[in-house]
Amino acid sequence: MPNEHYEKYKDTIKKVTKRNYRQRLVWLNEYLAEKACSHCGESETACLKFYPHHNKIRKLTQRKGMNEESRQEVTELMRESTIVCSNCFIKLEHDIIDIM
């Protein structure tokens, strides 16, 4: 027997989940909006990544809440990272450039 509460509020739960997910992505993109690649100066938000913790930051951002306490691990990783564009990220991973 399915959970009656879930069935009754299924659409509302989905909408709230999507809204919260978007808010978390906006929070991260707003942080990047004021940044630029530390190697080449690229400032397009869609191109910027956190080196070397990009994947971990993105995963945690999707799962954590919006309050300061929930974001503590994510913000610490962001502080430890260098912001680079996608091209420079690839070059760093293949030891073509060194910005550290």
N, C-alpha and C. Protein backbone atom coordinates (compact mmCIF):
# COMPACT_ATOMS: atom_id res chain seq x y z
N MET A 1 0.84 -1.17 0.00
CA MET A 1 0.00 0.00 0.00
C MET A 1 0.89 1.25 0.00
N PRO A 2 0.79 2.08 -1.02
CA PRO A 2 1.61 3.29 -1.10
C PRO A 2 1.28 4.27 0.03
N ASN A 3 2.22 5.09 0.33
CA ASN A 3 2.05 6.10 1.36
C ASN A 3 1.00 7.11 0.89
N GLU A 4 -0.09 7.24 1.62
CA GLU A 4 -1.19 8.11 1.23
C GLU A 4 -0.78 9.58 1.21
N HIS A 5 0.05 9.95 2.17
CA HIS A 5 0.53 11.33 2.24
C HIS A 5 1.31 11.68 0.96
N TYR A 6 2.21 10.79 0.57
CA TYR A 6 3.00 11.05 -0.63
C TYR A 6 2.10 11.15 -1.86
N GLU A 7 1.17 10.25 -2.00
CA GLU A 7 0.26 10.26 -3.16
C GLU A 7 -0.54 11.56 -3.20
N LYS A 8 -0.99 12.01 -2.05
CA LYS A 8 -1.80 13.23 -1.98
C LYS A 8 -0.98 14.48 -2.35
N TYR A 9 0.28 14.53 -1.91
CA TYR A 9 1.11 15.72 -2.13
C TYR A 9 2.25 15.49 -3.12
N LYS A 10 2.12 14.51 -3.94
CA LYS A 10 3.17 14.11 -4.88
C LYS A 10 3.64 15.27 -5.75
N ASP A 11 2.73 15.99 -6.38
CA ASP A 11 3.10 17.09 -7.26
C ASP A 11 3.76 18.24 -6.49
N THR A 12 3.24 18.54 -5.32
CA THR A 12 3.81 19.61 -4.49
C THR A 12 5.23 19.24 -4.07
N ILE A 13 5.44 18.01 -3.67
CA ILE A 13 6.77 17.55 -3.26
C ILE A 13 7.75 17.68 -4.41
N LYS A 14 7.33 17.31 -5.60
CA LYS A 14 8.20 17.40 -6.78
C LYS A 14 8.55 18.86 -7.09
N LYS A 15 7.57 19.74 -7.01
CA LYS A 15 7.81 21.16 -7.28
C LYS A 15 8.78 21.77 -6.28
N VAL A 16 8.58 21.47 -5.01
CA VAL A 16 9.46 22.00 -3.96
C VAL A 16 10.87 21.45 -4.12
N THR A 17 10.99 20.19 -4.45
CA THR A 17 12.30 19.58 -4.66
C THR A 17 13.03 20.26 -5.81
N LYS A 18 12.34 20.49 -6.92
CA LYS A 18 12.96 21.18 -8.06
C LYS A 18 13.35 22.61 -7.70
N ARG A 19 12.47 23.31 -6.98
CA ARG A 19 12.76 24.69 -6.58
C ARG A 19 14.01 24.75 -5.70
N ASN A 20 14.10 23.87 -4.73
CA ASN A 20 15.26 23.85 -3.84
C ASN A 20 16.54 23.49 -4.58
N TYR A 21 16.45 22.58 -5.51
CA TYR A 21 17.61 22.19 -6.33
C TYR A 21 18.10 23.40 -7.12
N ARG A 22 17.17 24.13 -7.74
CA ARG A 22 17.54 25.32 -8.51
C ARG A 22 18.18 26.39 -7.62
N GLN A 23 17.65 26.56 -6.41
CA GLN A 23 18.21 27.55 -5.49
C GLN A 23 19.66 27.20 -5.13
N ARG A 24 19.96 25.93 -4.96
CA ARG A 24 21.32 25.52 -4.64
C ARG A 24 22.26 25.78 -5.81
N LEU A 25 21.80 25.54 -7.03
CA LEU A 25 22.62 25.81 -8.21
C LEU A 25 22.83 27.32 -8.40
N VAL A 26 21.80 28.10 -8.16
CA VAL A 26 21.90 29.56 -8.26
C VAL A 26 22.92 30.08 -7.26
N TRP A 27 22.90 29.55 -6.04
CA TRP A 27 23.84 29.96 -5.01
C TRP A 27 25.28 29.76 -5.48
N LEU A 28 25.56 28.60 -6.07
CA LEU A 28 26.90 28.30 -6.55
C LEU A 28 27.26 29.19 -7.74
N ASN A 29 26.34 29.38 -8.67
CA ASN A 29 26.61 30.22 -9.84
C ASN A 29 26.77 31.69 -9.48
N GLU A 30 26.06 32.15 -8.46
CA GLU A 30 26.24 33.53 -8.00
C GLU A 30 27.64 33.73 -7.42
N TYR A 31 28.13 32.73 -6.75
CA TYR A 31 29.50 32.80 -6.21
C TYR A 31 30.50 32.91 -7.38
N LEU A 32 30.29 32.12 -8.42
CA LEU A 32 31.20 32.12 -9.56
C LEU A 32 31.04 33.37 -10.44
N ALA A 33 29.91 34.03 -10.36
CA ALA A 33 29.63 35.19 -11.22
C ALA A 33 30.64 36.31 -11.02
N GLU A 34 31.20 36.41 -9.84
CA GLU A 34 32.15 37.47 -9.53
C GLU A 34 33.60 37.03 -9.72
N LYS A 35 33.81 35.81 -10.21
CA LYS A 35 35.15 35.24 -10.31
C LYS A 35 35.59 35.14 -11.77
N ALA A 36 36.88 34.85 -11.94
CA ALA A 36 37.46 34.63 -13.26
C ALA A 36 38.55 33.57 -13.13
N CYS A 37 38.90 32.96 -14.23
CA CYS A 37 39.96 31.95 -14.26
C CYS A 37 41.26 32.58 -13.77
N SER A 38 41.90 31.92 -12.83
CA SER A 38 43.12 32.47 -12.26
C SER A 38 44.31 32.35 -13.22
N HIS A 39 44.15 31.62 -14.31
CA HIS A 39 45.25 31.47 -15.27
C HIS A 39 45.07 32.37 -16.50
N CYS A 40 43.89 32.28 -17.13
CA CYS A 40 43.70 33.01 -18.40
C CYS A 40 42.74 34.19 -18.29
N GLY A 41 42.00 34.29 -17.19
CA GLY A 41 41.10 35.42 -17.00
C GLY A 41 39.69 35.23 -17.52
N GLU A 42 39.35 34.06 -18.04
CA GLU A 42 37.98 33.78 -18.52
C GLU A 42 36.99 34.01 -17.38
N SER A 43 35.90 34.73 -17.67
CA SER A 43 34.95 35.06 -16.60
C SER A 43 33.54 34.52 -16.85
N GLU A 44 33.32 33.79 -17.91
CA GLU A 44 32.01 33.21 -18.19
C GLU A 44 31.70 32.14 -17.14
N THR A 45 30.64 32.35 -16.37
CA THR A 45 30.30 31.47 -15.26
C THR A 45 30.17 30.01 -15.68
N ALA A 46 29.58 29.75 -16.83
CA ALA A 46 29.37 28.38 -17.29
C ALA A 46 30.68 27.65 -17.54
N CYS A 47 31.76 28.38 -17.75
CA CYS A 47 33.07 27.78 -18.04
C CYS A 47 33.91 27.54 -16.79
N LEU A 48 33.55 28.13 -15.67
CA LEU A 48 34.42 28.10 -14.50
C LEU A 48 34.23 26.84 -13.66
N LYS A 49 35.36 26.37 -13.11
CA LYS A 49 35.38 25.17 -12.27
C LYS A 49 36.28 25.42 -11.07
N PHE A 50 36.10 24.59 -10.06
CA PHE A 50 36.91 24.65 -8.85
C PHE A 50 37.99 23.57 -8.94
N TYR A 51 39.24 23.99 -9.02
CA TYR A 51 40.32 23.01 -9.09
C TYR A 51 40.94 22.83 -7.71
N PRO A 52 41.06 21.65 -7.20
CA PRO A 52 40.81 20.32 -7.75
C PRO A 52 39.51 19.67 -7.26
N HIS A 53 38.65 20.42 -6.58
CA HIS A 53 37.48 19.83 -5.91
C HIS A 53 36.15 20.02 -6.65
N HIS A 54 36.17 20.27 -7.95
CA HIS A 54 34.95 20.63 -8.68
C HIS A 54 33.83 19.60 -8.52
N ASN A 55 34.11 18.35 -8.79
CA ASN A 55 33.05 17.32 -8.73
C ASN A 55 32.49 17.16 -7.33
N LYS A 56 33.35 17.19 -6.34
CA LYS A 56 32.89 17.05 -4.95
C LYS A 56 32.02 18.24 -4.54
N ILE A 57 32.42 19.45 -4.94
CA ILE A 57 31.64 20.64 -4.62
C ILE A 57 30.26 20.57 -5.28
N ARG A 58 30.22 20.20 -6.54
CA ARG A 58 28.93 20.09 -7.24
C ARG A 58 28.02 19.05 -6.60
N LYS A 59 28.57 17.90 -6.23
CA LYS A 59 27.76 16.84 -5.61
C LYS A 59 27.23 17.29 -4.24
N LEU A 60 28.10 17.89 -3.43
CA LEU A 60 27.67 18.34 -2.11
C LEU A 60 26.65 19.47 -2.22
N THR A 61 26.81 20.35 -3.19
CA THR A 61 25.88 21.46 -3.37
C THR A 61 24.48 20.94 -3.68
N GLN A 62 24.40 19.87 -4.44
CA GLN A 62 23.10 19.31 -4.78
C GLN A 62 22.42 18.66 -3.58
N ARG A 63 23.20 18.17 -2.62
CA ARG A 63 22.63 17.43 -1.50
C ARG A 63 22.43 18.25 -0.23
N LYS A 64 23.21 19.28 -0.03
CA LYS A 64 23.18 20.03 1.23
C LYS A 64 22.09 21.10 1.20
N GLY A 65 21.64 21.49 2.38
CA GLY A 65 20.64 22.54 2.51
C GLY A 65 21.24 23.92 2.26
N MET A 66 20.41 24.94 2.38
CA MET A 66 20.85 26.30 2.08
C MET A 66 21.34 27.07 3.31
N ASN A 67 21.17 26.53 4.50
CA ASN A 67 21.62 27.28 5.67
C ASN A 67 23.14 27.21 5.81
N GLU A 68 23.67 28.13 6.58
CA GLU A 68 25.13 28.29 6.72
C GLU A 68 25.80 27.03 7.27
N GLU A 69 25.17 26.39 8.22
CA GLU A 69 25.75 25.20 8.83
C GLU A 69 25.86 24.05 7.83
N SER A 70 24.83 23.88 7.00
CA SER A 70 24.85 22.82 5.99
C SER A 70 25.90 23.08 4.92
N ARG A 71 26.15 24.34 4.64
CA ARG A 71 27.09 24.73 3.59
C ARG A 71 28.55 24.78 4.03
N GLN A 72 28.82 24.53 5.29
CA GLN A 72 30.16 24.70 5.82
C GLN A 72 31.20 23.86 5.07
N GLU A 73 30.93 22.59 4.82
CA GLU A 73 31.87 21.72 4.11
C GLU A 73 32.09 22.22 2.69
N VAL A 74 31.01 22.64 2.03
CA VAL A 74 31.12 23.13 0.66
C VAL A 74 31.94 24.41 0.59
N THR A 75 31.67 25.35 1.48
CA THR A 75 32.41 26.62 1.46
C THR A 75 33.88 26.41 1.79
N GLU A 76 34.19 25.45 2.64
CA GLU A 76 35.58 25.15 2.94
C GLU A 76 36.30 24.61 1.70
N LEU A 77 35.66 23.71 0.98
CA LEU A 77 36.24 23.19 -0.26
C LEU A 77 36.40 24.29 -1.30
N MET A 78 35.45 25.21 -1.34
CA MET A 78 35.53 26.33 -2.29
C MET A 78 36.73 27.22 -1.96
N ARG A 79 36.97 27.45 -0.68
CA ARG A 79 38.12 28.28 -0.26
C ARG A 79 39.45 27.60 -0.59
N GLU A 80 39.48 26.27 -0.51
CA GLU A 80 40.70 25.52 -0.79
C GLU A 80 40.98 25.39 -2.29
N SER A 81 39.99 25.69 -3.11
CA SER A 81 40.11 25.49 -4.55
C SER A 81 40.58 26.75 -5.27
N THR A 82 41.13 26.53 -6.43
CA THR A 82 41.50 27.61 -7.34
C THR A 82 40.45 27.62 -8.44
N ILE A 83 39.96 28.79 -8.81
CA ILE A 83 38.96 28.87 -9.86
C ILE A 83 39.66 29.00 -11.21
N VAL A 84 39.31 28.06 -12.09
CA VAL A 84 39.88 28.04 -13.43
C VAL A 84 38.77 27.74 -14.44
N CYS A 85 39.03 28.05 -15.70
CA CYS A 85 38.05 27.73 -16.74
C CYS A 85 38.19 26.25 -17.12
N SER A 86 37.26 25.76 -17.91
CA SER A 86 37.27 24.35 -18.30
C SER A 86 38.55 23.97 -19.03
N ASN A 87 39.02 24.84 -19.92
CA ASN A 87 40.24 24.54 -20.67
C ASN A 87 41.45 24.45 -19.75
N CYS A 88 41.59 25.40 -18.86
CA CYS A 88 42.72 25.40 -17.94
C CYS A 88 42.61 24.23 -16.95
N PHE A 89 41.38 23.85 -16.59
CA PHE A 89 41.17 22.69 -15.71
C PHE A 89 41.75 21.44 -16.36
N ILE A 90 41.45 21.24 -17.63
CA ILE A 90 41.97 20.08 -18.37
C ILE A 90 43.49 20.14 -18.45
N LYS A 91 44.02 21.33 -18.73
CA LYS A 91 45.47 21.48 -18.82
C LYS A 91 46.14 21.21 -17.48
N LEU A 92 45.53 21.63 -16.39
CA LEU A 92 46.07 21.36 -15.06
C LEU A 92 46.08 19.86 -14.76
N GLU A 93 45.00 19.18 -15.11
CA GLU A 93 44.92 17.75 -14.86
C GLU A 93 45.92 16.95 -15.67
N HIS A 94 46.36 17.50 -16.80
CA HIS A 94 47.33 16.81 -17.65
C HIS A 94 48.73 17.42 -17.52
N ASP A 95 48.92 18.22 -16.49
CA ASP A 95 50.22 18.85 -16.19
C ASP A 95 50.80 19.64 -17.35
N ILE A 96 49.92 20.28 -18.11
CA ILE A 96 50.38 21.16 -19.20
C ILE A 96 50.69 22.55 -18.67
N ILE A 97 49.93 22.98 -17.67
CA ILE A 97 50.21 24.25 -17.01
C ILE A 97 50.30 24.02 -15.51
N ASP A 98 50.88 24.98 -14.80
CA ASP A 98 50.98 24.92 -13.36
C ASP A 98 50.69 26.30 -12.81
N ILE A 99 49.60 26.44 -12.05
CA ILE A 99 49.26 27.76 -11.51
C ILE A 99 49.40 27.81 -10.01
N MET A 100 49.80 26.73 -9.40
CA MET A 100 49.91 26.70 -7.94
C MET A 100 51.19 27.32 -7.49
